[in-house]
Amino acid sequence: MLASYPLFIAVALYVNDKMENQHIEQRQQLIAKRMSKLKEVDWSPDNPVWKEFKGTYKGRPPLFHLSKDKNNIEELVRWLYSC
């Protein structure tokens, strides 16, 4: 799932949230802290959590693809904060 465009964007937004005015050292520490929290996430496509977000099944075999709309990406970012 990590290769999914909406999830990739959500991770980038989560990791860089509210960093505009931070010094580089603070940014590096916060990014490392946020990224380490993501180690616990089950990124496999079989994780039922993905179906809580907007998406559709495509392909053969059918795989769940997350919707690329802004609201869905924002929901993914909120979920990442809860991890």
C-alpha atoms as a PDB file:
ATOM      1  CA  MET A   1       0.000   0.000   0.000  1.00  0.00           C
ATOM      2  CA  LEU A   2       2.905   2.347   0.604  1.00  0.00           C
ATOM      3  CA  ALA A   3       3.378   2.649  -3.164  1.00  0.00           C
ATOM      4  CA  SER A   4      -0.142   4.031  -3.484  1.00  0.00           C
ATOM      5  CA  TYR A   5      -0.112   7.690  -4.547  1.00  0.00           C
ATOM      6  CA  PRO A   6      -2.672   8.915  -1.955  1.00  0.00           C
ATOM      7  CA  LEU A   7      -0.851   7.146   0.870  1.00  0.00           C
ATOM      8  CA  PHE A   8       2.538   8.411  -0.326  1.00  0.00           C
ATOM      9  CA  ILE A   9       1.219  11.992  -0.294  1.00  0.00           C
ATOM     10  CA  ALA A  10      -0.433  11.475   3.115  1.00  0.00           C
ATOM     11  CA  VAL A  11       2.848  10.233   4.623  1.00  0.00           C
ATOM     12  CA  ALA A  12       4.719  13.224   3.180  1.00  0.00           C
ATOM     13  CA  LEU A  13       2.127  15.648   4.572  1.00  0.00           C
ATOM     14  CA  TYR A  14       2.148  13.919   7.962  1.00  0.00           C
ATOM     15  CA  VAL A  15       5.929  13.923   8.270  1.00  0.00           C
ATOM     16  CA  ASN A  16       6.316  17.555   7.201  1.00  0.00           C
ATOM     17  CA  ASP A  17       3.283  19.022   8.976  1.00  0.00           C
ATOM     18  CA  LYS A  18       3.947  22.362  10.744  1.00  0.00           C
ATOM     19  CA  MET A  19       7.664  22.379   9.939  1.00  0.00           C
ATOM     20  CA  GLU A  20       7.859  25.627   7.986  1.00  0.00           C
ATOM     21  CA  ASN A  21       9.428  27.683  10.772  1.00  0.00           C
ATOM     22  CA  GLN A  22      11.510  24.971  12.448  1.00  0.00           C
ATOM     23  CA  HIS A  23      15.300  24.933  12.471  1.00  0.00           C
ATOM     24  CA  ILE A  24      16.857  22.118  10.465  1.00  0.00           C
ATOM     25  CA  GLU A  25      17.954  20.215  13.587  1.00  0.00           C
ATOM     26  CA  GLN A  26      14.428  20.316  15.027  1.00  0.00           C
ATOM     27  CA  ARG A  27      12.994  19.235  11.677  1.00  0.00           C
ATOM     28  CA  GLN A  28      15.356  16.278  11.469  1.00  0.00           C
ATOM     29  CA  GLN A  29      14.457  15.125  14.974  1.00  0.00           C
ATOM     30  CA  LEU A  30      10.726  15.485  14.415  1.00  0.00           C
ATOM     31  CA  ILE A  31      10.860  13.733  11.041  1.00  0.00           C
ATOM     32  CA  ALA A  32      12.822  10.846  12.578  1.00  0.00           C
ATOM     33  CA  LYS A  33      10.309  10.591  15.439  1.00  0.00           C
ATOM     34  CA  ARG A  34       7.300  10.614  13.122  1.00  0.00           C
ATOM     35  CA  MET A  35       8.850   8.126  10.707  1.00  0.00           C
ATOM     36  CA  SER A  36       9.758   5.735  13.525  1.00  0.00           C
ATOM     37  CA  LYS A  37       6.088   5.663  14.593  1.00  0.00           C
ATOM     38  CA  LEU A  38       5.196   4.429  11.113  1.00  0.00           C
ATOM     39  CA  LYS A  39       7.254   1.261  11.589  1.00  0.00           C
ATOM     40  CA  GLU A  40       4.325  -0.197  13.516  1.00  0.00           C
ATOM     41  CA  VAL A  41       1.855   0.211  10.634  1.00  0.00           C
ATOM     42  CA  ASP A  42       0.850  -2.883   8.684  1.00  0.00           C
ATOM     43  CA  TRP A  43       1.380  -1.606   5.139  1.00  0.00           C
ATOM     44  CA  SER A  44       0.180  -4.814   3.479  1.00  0.00           C
ATOM     45  CA  PRO A  45      -2.726  -4.512   1.045  1.00  0.00           C
ATOM     46  CA  ASP A  46      -4.573  -7.137   3.114  1.00  0.00           C
ATOM     47  CA  ASN A  47      -4.779  -4.841   6.159  1.00  0.00           C
ATOM     48  CA  PRO A  48      -8.522  -4.208   6.674  1.00  0.00           C
ATOM     49  CA  VAL A  49      -7.855  -0.625   7.821  1.00  0.00           C
ATOM     50  CA  TRP A  50      -7.461   0.513   4.185  1.00  0.00           C
ATOM     51  CA  LYS A  51     -11.099  -0.276   3.495  1.00  0.00           C
ATOM     52  CA  GLU A  52     -12.095   2.365   6.053  1.00  0.00           C
ATOM     53  CA  PHE A  53     -10.992   4.958   3.497  1.00  0.00           C
ATOM     54  CA  LYS A  54     -12.536   5.800   0.145  1.00  0.00           C
ATOM     55  CA  GLY A  55     -11.382   3.589  -2.675  1.00  0.00           C
ATOM     56  CA  THR A  56     -12.307   0.991  -5.273  1.00  0.00           C
ATOM     57  CA  TYR A  57     -11.297  -2.499  -6.305  1.00  0.00           C
ATOM     58  CA  LYS A  58      -9.444  -2.700  -9.615  1.00  0.00           C
ATOM     59  CA  GLY A  59      -7.486  -5.223 -11.598  1.00  0.00           C
ATOM     60  CA  ARG A  60      -7.101  -8.974 -11.547  1.00  0.00           C
ATOM     61  CA  PRO A  61      -6.903 -10.126  -8.893  1.00  0.00           C
ATOM     62  CA  PRO A  62      -8.966  -7.239  -7.568  1.00  0.00           C
ATOM     63  CA  LEU A  63      -6.870  -4.985  -5.341  1.00  0.00           C
ATOM     64  CA  PHE A  64      -8.130  -2.083  -3.257  1.00  0.00           C
ATOM     65  CA  HIS A  65      -6.954   1.302  -4.574  1.00  0.00           C
ATOM     66  CA  LEU A  66      -7.302   4.350  -2.350  1.00  0.00           C
ATOM     67  CA  SER A  67      -9.134   7.333  -3.801  1.00  0.00           C
ATOM     68  CA  LYS A  68      -6.908  10.287  -4.730  1.00  0.00           C
ATOM     69  CA  ASP A  69      -9.320  13.008  -3.642  1.00  0.00           C
ATOM     70  CA  LYS A  70      -8.247  15.670  -1.142  1.00  0.00           C
ATOM     71  CA  ASN A  71     -10.659  14.620   1.611  1.00  0.00           C
ATOM     72  CA  ASN A  72      -9.453  11.030   1.511  1.00  0.00           C
ATOM     73  CA  ILE A  73      -5.813  12.136   1.724  1.00  0.00           C
ATOM     74  CA  GLU A  74      -6.665  14.378   4.688  1.00  0.00           C
ATOM     75  CA  GLU A  75      -8.370  11.409   6.391  1.00  0.00           C
ATOM     76  CA  LEU A  76      -5.244   9.329   5.814  1.00  0.00           C
ATOM     77  CA  VAL A  77      -3.093  12.051   7.423  1.00  0.00           C
ATOM     78  CA  ARG A  78      -5.396  12.142  10.467  1.00  0.00           C
ATOM     79  CA  TRP A  79      -5.177   8.364  10.712  1.00  0.00           C
ATOM     80  CA  LEU A  80      -1.368   8.509  10.535  1.00  0.00           C
ATOM     81  CA  TYR A  81      -1.366  10.883  13.530  1.00  0.00           C
ATOM     82  CA  SER A  82      -3.341   8.291  15.481  1.00  0.00           C
ATOM     83  CA  CYS A  83      -0.800   5.535  14.808  1.00  0.00           C
END
